[in-house]
Amino acid sequence: GADFIEPDLVATRDGVLIARHEPMLGGTTDVATKPEFASRKTTRKVDGVDTTEWFAGDFTLAEIRTLRAKQAMADRDQSHNGKYAIPTLQEVIDLAKAESARAGRTIGIYPETKHPVFHAAIGLPLEDRLLDVLKAAGWTEKSSPVIIQSFETANLKYLRTKTQLRLVQLVDADDVDKDGGIVLAAPFDKPYDFVVTGDKRTFKDLVTAEGLKEIRTYADGVGPWKPYILAGKQVIGADGKPEDLNKDGKIDEQDRVLIAPTSVVKDAHAAGLFVHTWTFRSEPKRLASSFKGDPAAEYKAFFDLGVDGLFSDFPDHAVKA
């Protein structure tokens, strides 16, 4: 029932865009089990952080084809590990077109350019490669079933000079504090291009009324992490510690209660932006206590606040809600 498929994009050594959550391959593929690639493990700076990993940019597409995907979240079903190849952007487009024809409705793609500054620094900039593939697919207009998103701003501003396709500014953070407040910590405190240029603003600044107006000068929508719109706080007991509301012996999302929503959706709409928030997950431990373990209650709360769309790991639940 999804309207869009969301491939995060990284580049191979030979410049092919593939769908992986990060340029680092260790978390989502079986690369660590391949002795022939042991020597490829290396240390690079990703958004200012030294990262020792296998990087997609050090592998040709032919080599990537020998890898298989694995579930990155340890608490989720691992039974599909090792079964599936790593798709290229082109294969995702082919899938969207085939499924659109089969379902009799338009299914688009919603690619994210991952770490644009990093990719430019290793000589594999993403933006023109992405536009070339989309152009070959016949997707160049604002009405095309494509939305391009990024956590950085400079590459979106560049894309705006080159394409009419819809663009979305993603807004990240590091965590949420005990009172439901947004916590900023590097590298999740600001778009990395701000770090490079010495811009002092943070992700929080992007979702002020003023920040949203500026986003509208180069993007069509904004993609804030959910707690920027509606967050939960811990209930602190007399001992100064968070209460285990569901008495399961651990403190997680289920032990938070909702606080008042922010004005981000209203302010974004006033600036002329649509709002697509992320990421909805159906596991009870990822739902605030106010939702009583029911994913539909969380979707409804966000729909009631006027979001225009959302990303879900469980699109069937999202569509039903």
Protein backbone atom coordinates (compact mmCIF):
# COMPACT_ATOMS: atom_id res chain seq x y z
CA GLY A 1 0.00 0.00 0.00
CA ALA A 2 2.99 2.37 0.04
CA ASP A 3 2.98 5.45 -2.22
CA PHE A 4 6.76 5.61 -2.43
CA ILE A 5 9.81 3.36 -2.12
CA GLU A 6 12.63 5.05 -0.20
CA PRO A 7 16.15 4.10 -1.30
CA ASP A 8 19.02 5.74 0.56
CA LEU A 9 21.71 6.21 -2.08
CA VAL A 10 25.47 5.69 -1.95
CA ALA A 11 27.97 5.35 -4.80
CA THR A 12 30.17 2.43 -5.84
CA ARG A 13 33.77 2.92 -6.97
CA ASP A 14 32.62 2.88 -10.59
CA GLY A 15 30.02 5.55 -9.88
CA VAL A 16 26.83 3.47 -9.78
CA LEU A 17 24.19 4.51 -7.25
CA ILE A 18 23.04 1.66 -5.02
CA ALA A 19 20.46 1.46 -2.23
CA ARG A 20 22.18 1.17 1.16
CA HIS A 21 21.44 3.03 4.37
CA GLU A 22 25.05 4.26 4.63
CA PRO A 23 28.27 4.19 2.58
CA MET A 24 29.45 1.79 5.30
CA LEU A 25 28.47 -1.77 4.35
CA GLY A 26 29.14 -3.70 7.57
CA GLY A 27 25.76 -3.16 9.22
CA THR A 28 23.53 -4.09 6.28
CA THR A 29 25.50 -6.68 4.27
CA ASP A 30 27.53 -9.85 4.80
CA VAL A 31 30.77 -8.16 3.67
CA ALA A 32 32.49 -9.04 6.97
CA THR A 33 32.17 -12.75 6.15
CA LYS A 34 34.00 -12.41 2.81
CA PRO A 35 37.73 -13.15 3.22
CA GLU A 36 38.44 -11.74 -0.23
CA PHE A 37 37.32 -8.30 1.04
CA ALA A 38 39.03 -8.36 4.46
CA SER A 39 41.75 -5.97 3.25
CA ARG A 40 39.15 -3.40 2.13
CA LYS A 41 38.29 -2.49 5.71
CA THR A 42 39.62 1.00 6.24
CA THR A 43 39.23 4.14 8.33
CA ARG A 44 37.69 7.28 6.84
CA LYS A 45 36.14 10.40 8.30
CA VAL A 46 32.35 10.41 7.89
CA ASP A 47 30.81 13.73 8.95
CA GLY A 48 33.92 14.39 11.02
CA VAL A 49 33.89 11.02 12.79
CA ASP A 50 36.68 8.46 12.25
CA THR A 51 34.86 5.35 10.99
CA THR A 52 36.54 1.98 10.41
CA GLU A 53 34.42 0.03 7.95
CA TRP A 54 33.99 -1.35 4.46
CA PHE A 55 32.96 1.57 2.24
CA ALA A 56 30.79 1.17 -0.86
CA GLY A 57 33.05 3.62 -2.71
CA ASP A 58 35.89 1.09 -2.50
CA PHE A 59 33.88 -1.61 -4.29
CA THR A 60 32.88 -1.91 -7.94
CA LEU A 61 29.27 -2.75 -8.72
CA ALA A 62 30.42 -6.23 -9.79
CA GLU A 63 31.89 -6.73 -6.31
CA ILE A 64 28.79 -5.33 -4.60
CA ARG A 65 26.78 -7.91 -6.59
CA THR A 66 28.56 -10.69 -4.64
CA LEU A 67 27.25 -9.36 -1.30
CA ARG A 68 23.91 -10.14 0.32
CA ALA A 69 21.72 -7.98 2.52
CA LYS A 70 21.18 -8.49 6.23
CA GLN A 71 18.79 -7.04 8.80
CA ALA A 72 20.57 -4.23 10.64
CA MET A 73 18.32 -4.25 13.72
CA ALA A 74 19.22 -7.11 16.05
CA ASP A 75 15.71 -7.23 17.53
CA ARG A 76 14.06 -7.87 14.15
CA ASP A 77 13.53 -11.05 12.11
CA GLN A 78 16.92 -12.28 10.85
CA SER A 79 15.54 -15.10 8.68
CA HIS A 80 15.97 -13.21 5.40
CA ASN A 81 19.69 -12.56 5.93
CA GLY A 82 21.84 -13.73 3.06
CA LYS A 83 18.98 -14.08 0.56
CA TYR A 84 18.89 -10.80 -1.31
CA ALA A 85 21.28 -8.85 -3.50
CA ILE A 86 21.99 -5.14 -3.07
CA PRO A 87 19.75 -3.20 -5.50
CA THR A 88 20.91 -0.39 -7.74
CA LEU A 89 18.88 2.81 -8.02
CA GLN A 90 17.92 1.66 -11.52
CA GLU A 91 16.51 -1.58 -10.14
CA VAL A 92 14.45 0.37 -7.59
CA ILE A 93 13.06 2.52 -10.43
CA ASP A 94 12.27 -0.60 -12.45
CA LEU A 95 10.46 -2.05 -9.42
CA ALA A 96 8.43 1.14 -8.88
CA LYS A 97 7.39 1.21 -12.55
CA ALA A 98 6.52 -2.50 -12.65
CA GLU A 99 4.50 -2.30 -9.43
CA SER A 100 2.72 0.86 -10.64
CA ALA A 101 1.62 -1.00 -13.77
CA ARG A 102 0.60 -4.08 -11.77
CA ALA A 103 -1.31 -2.14 -9.10
CA GLY A 104 -2.88 0.38 -11.45
CA ARG A 105 -1.68 3.31 -9.33
CA THR A 106 1.44 5.44 -9.24
CA ILE A 107 4.23 4.25 -6.95
CA GLY A 108 7.10 6.71 -6.80
CA ILE A 109 10.61 6.74 -5.41
CA TYR A 110 11.87 8.98 -2.60
CA PRO A 111 15.68 8.77 -2.75
CA GLU A 112 17.93 10.20 -0.06
CA THR A 113 21.41 11.40 -0.95
CA LYS A 114 23.52 10.01 1.89
CA HIS A 115 26.47 12.06 3.16
CA PRO A 116 26.87 14.32 0.09
CA VAL A 117 29.98 16.09 1.47
CA PHE A 118 31.63 12.70 2.09
CA HIS A 119 30.82 11.45 -1.41
CA ALA A 120 32.10 14.64 -3.03
CA ALA A 121 35.34 14.34 -1.03
CA ILE A 122 36.02 10.80 -2.34
CA GLY A 123 35.36 11.94 -5.90
CA LEU A 124 31.93 10.33 -6.23
CA PRO A 125 29.41 13.19 -5.96
CA LEU A 126 25.85 11.92 -5.98
CA GLU A 127 23.69 14.73 -7.34
CA ASP A 128 24.30 14.72 -11.11
CA ARG A 129 24.51 10.92 -11.15
CA LEU A 130 21.08 10.83 -9.52
CA LEU A 131 19.57 13.35 -11.96
CA ASP A 132 21.01 11.45 -14.95
CA VAL A 133 19.36 8.18 -13.87
CA LEU A 134 16.06 9.95 -13.15
CA LYS A 135 16.17 11.73 -16.51
CA ALA A 136 16.68 8.40 -18.29
CA ALA A 137 13.58 7.16 -16.44
CA GLY A 138 11.61 10.10 -17.84
CA TRP A 139 11.35 11.80 -14.45
CA THR A 140 12.35 15.48 -14.60
CA GLU A 141 9.21 17.46 -13.70
CA LYS A 142 7.69 18.60 -10.42
CA SER A 143 4.79 16.26 -11.20
CA SER A 144 7.10 13.25 -11.62
CA PRO A 145 6.71 10.50 -8.97
CA VAL A 146 10.03 11.44 -7.35
CA ILE A 147 10.99 13.35 -4.20
CA ILE A 148 14.69 13.84 -3.37
CA GLN A 149 15.69 14.32 0.28
CA SER A 150 18.86 15.13 2.18
CA PHE A 151 20.04 16.03 5.69
CA GLU A 152 22.49 18.49 4.13
CA THR A 153 21.45 21.83 2.64
CA ALA A 154 24.14 22.71 0.08
CA ASN A 155 23.40 19.76 -2.18
CA LEU A 156 19.67 20.53 -2.12
CA LYS A 157 20.43 24.13 -3.11
CA TYR A 158 22.60 22.81 -5.94
CA LEU A 159 19.85 20.41 -7.05
CA ARG A 160 17.34 23.28 -7.07
CA THR A 161 19.41 24.98 -9.79
CA LYS A 162 19.36 21.79 -11.91
CA THR A 163 15.89 20.23 -11.54
CA GLN A 164 12.19 20.85 -11.06
CA LEU A 165 11.79 17.62 -9.06
CA ARG A 166 10.46 18.04 -5.52
CA LEU A 167 13.13 18.42 -2.83
CA VAL A 168 12.88 17.85 0.93
CA GLN A 169 15.11 19.11 3.73
CA LEU A 170 15.52 16.41 6.38
CA VAL A 171 15.96 17.50 10.00
CA ASP A 172 17.82 15.24 12.43
CA ALA A 173 18.83 15.21 16.12
CA ASP A 174 20.78 12.98 18.46
CA ASP A 175 18.17 12.07 21.07
CA VAL A 176 15.27 13.22 23.24
CA ASP A 177 15.83 14.18 26.89
CA LYS A 178 13.75 13.11 29.89
CA ASP A 179 11.38 16.06 29.37
CA GLY A 180 10.83 15.36 25.65
CA GLY A 181 13.25 18.05 24.52
CA ILE A 182 15.41 17.62 21.43
CA VAL A 183 19.06 16.77 22.21
CA LEU A 184 21.69 17.91 19.72
CA ALA A 185 25.14 16.28 19.61
CA ALA A 186 27.63 15.96 16.75
CA PRO A 187 27.36 14.62 14.13
CA PHE A 188 23.56 14.81 14.49
CA ASP A 189 23.42 18.46 15.56
CA LYS A 190 23.49 20.20 12.19
CA PRO A 191 23.73 19.58 8.44
CA TYR A 192 27.35 18.56 7.84
CA ASP A 193 27.80 21.23 5.17
CA PHE A 194 27.22 23.77 8.00
CA VAL A 195 30.23 22.27 9.80
CA VAL A 196 32.34 22.63 6.65
CA THR A 197 31.32 26.26 6.06
CA GLY A 198 31.38 27.31 9.72
CA ASP A 199 27.64 28.01 9.83
CA LYS A 200 26.68 28.13 13.52
CA ARG A 201 23.04 27.15 13.04
CA THR A 202 21.72 23.75 14.13
CA PHE A 203 18.92 21.46 13.00
CA LYS A 204 16.71 23.13 15.63
CA ASP A 205 17.20 26.46 13.85
CA LEU A 206 15.91 24.93 10.61
CA VAL A 207 12.48 24.22 12.11
CA THR A 208 11.86 27.68 13.56
CA ALA A 209 9.31 29.75 11.63
CA GLU A 210 12.22 31.72 10.14
CA GLY A 211 14.24 28.60 9.32
CA LEU A 212 11.29 26.99 7.57
CA LYS A 213 10.80 30.10 5.41
CA GLU A 214 14.42 29.82 4.33
CA ILE A 215 14.01 26.11 3.52
CA ARG A 216 11.12 27.11 1.24
CA THR A 217 13.57 29.11 -0.93
CA TYR A 218 15.15 25.87 -2.16
CA ALA A 219 12.91 22.95 -1.12
CA ASP A 220 9.27 21.91 -1.42
CA GLY A 221 8.97 20.06 1.87
CA VAL A 222 10.57 19.41 5.23
CA GLY A 223 11.21 16.03 6.85
CA PRO A 224 11.61 16.45 10.60
CA TRP A 225 12.33 13.53 12.92
CA LYS A 226 9.07 12.72 14.77
CA PRO A 227 9.94 14.27 18.17
CA TYR A 228 10.25 17.70 16.54
CA ILE A 229 6.46 17.45 16.06
CA LEU A 230 5.26 15.32 18.98
CA ALA A 231 7.47 13.90 21.72
CA GLY A 232 7.15 12.01 24.99
CA LYS A 233 8.64 12.68 28.42
CA GLN A 234 9.60 10.33 31.19
CA VAL A 235 7.62 10.30 34.43
CA ILE A 236 10.13 10.97 37.20
CA GLY A 237 9.44 9.31 40.54
CA ALA A 238 10.10 10.58 44.07
CA ASP A 239 13.55 8.97 43.90
CA GLY A 240 14.45 11.18 40.93
CA LYS A 241 14.53 8.22 38.55
CA PRO A 242 12.27 7.56 35.54
CA GLU A 243 9.28 5.35 36.36
CA ASP A 244 8.85 1.98 34.66
CA LEU A 245 5.24 2.66 33.66
CA ASN A 246 4.56 -0.76 32.12
CA LYS A 247 6.53 -2.63 34.83
CA ASP A 248 8.62 -4.63 32.34
CA GLY A 249 11.90 -3.97 34.13
CA LYS A 250 13.38 -1.60 31.53
CA ILE A 251 13.05 2.05 30.56
CA ASP A 252 12.18 2.71 26.92
CA GLU A 253 9.66 4.59 24.76
CA GLN A 254 6.77 2.77 26.46
CA ASP A 255 7.62 4.62 29.67
CA ARG A 256 7.14 8.07 28.14
CA VAL A 257 3.92 10.08 28.06
CA LEU A 258 3.14 12.55 25.31
CA ILE A 259 3.79 16.25 25.81
CA ALA A 260 2.08 19.10 23.95
CA PRO A 261 2.78 19.08 20.20
CA THR A 262 5.00 21.76 18.71
CA SER A 263 4.01 24.30 16.04
CA VAL A 264 6.39 22.82 13.44
CA VAL A 265 3.64 21.43 11.17
CA LYS A 266 1.64 24.66 11.32
CA ASP A 267 4.72 26.81 10.76
CA ALA A 268 5.90 24.65 7.85
CA HIS A 269 2.50 24.85 6.17
CA ALA A 270 2.48 28.63 6.71
CA ALA A 271 5.85 28.76 4.91
CA GLY A 272 4.42 26.76 1.98
CA LEU A 273 6.15 23.47 2.80
CA PHE A 274 4.65 20.00 3.05
CA VAL A 275 5.68 17.88 6.05
CA HIS A 276 6.80 14.23 5.85
CA THR A 277 7.97 12.81 9.19
CA TRP A 278 9.89 9.63 10.10
CA THR A 279 10.30 6.76 11.05
CA PHE A 280 7.19 4.93 12.30
CA ARG A 281 7.78 1.50 13.79
CA SER A 282 5.17 -0.88 15.14
CA GLU A 283 7.10 -2.65 17.91
CA PRO A 284 5.47 -1.78 21.26
CA LYS A 285 8.82 -0.78 22.80
CA ARG A 286 9.05 1.98 20.18
CA LEU A 287 5.63 3.49 21.04
CA ALA A 288 4.97 6.03 23.80
CA SER A 289 2.82 4.75 26.68
CA SER A 290 0.00 7.08 25.58
CA PHE A 291 -0.49 4.87 22.49
CA LYS A 292 -1.04 1.74 24.63
CA GLY A 293 0.97 -0.49 22.29
CA ASP A 294 -1.26 0.36 19.30
CA PRO A 295 0.67 1.66 16.26
CA ALA A 296 -2.57 3.02 14.75
CA ALA A 297 -2.93 5.41 17.70
CA GLU A 298 0.49 6.94 16.94
CA TYR A 299 -0.35 7.40 13.24
CA LYS A 300 -3.66 9.00 14.16
CA ALA A 301 -1.98 11.46 16.53
CA PHE A 302 0.36 12.64 13.76
CA PHE A 303 -2.39 12.71 11.12
CA ASP A 304 -4.47 14.85 13.51
CA LEU A 305 -1.57 17.31 13.69
CA GLY A 306 -1.68 17.68 9.90
CA VAL A 307 1.40 15.85 8.61
CA ASP A 308 1.21 15.34 4.85
CA GLY A 309 3.03 12.02 4.76
CA LEU A 310 5.32 9.77 6.74
CA PHE A 311 7.91 7.04 6.49
CA SER A 312 7.11 3.68 8.02
CA ASP A 313 8.94 0.37 8.36
CA PHE A 314 5.40 -1.11 8.39
CA PRO A 315 3.59 0.50 5.45
CA ASP A 316 0.63 -1.88 5.74
CA HIS A 317 -0.04 -0.52 9.27
CA ALA A 318 0.40 3.06 8.04
CA VAL A 319 -2.05 2.60 5.16
CA LYS A 320 -4.60 0.94 7.42
CA ALA A 321 -4.34 3.80 9.93
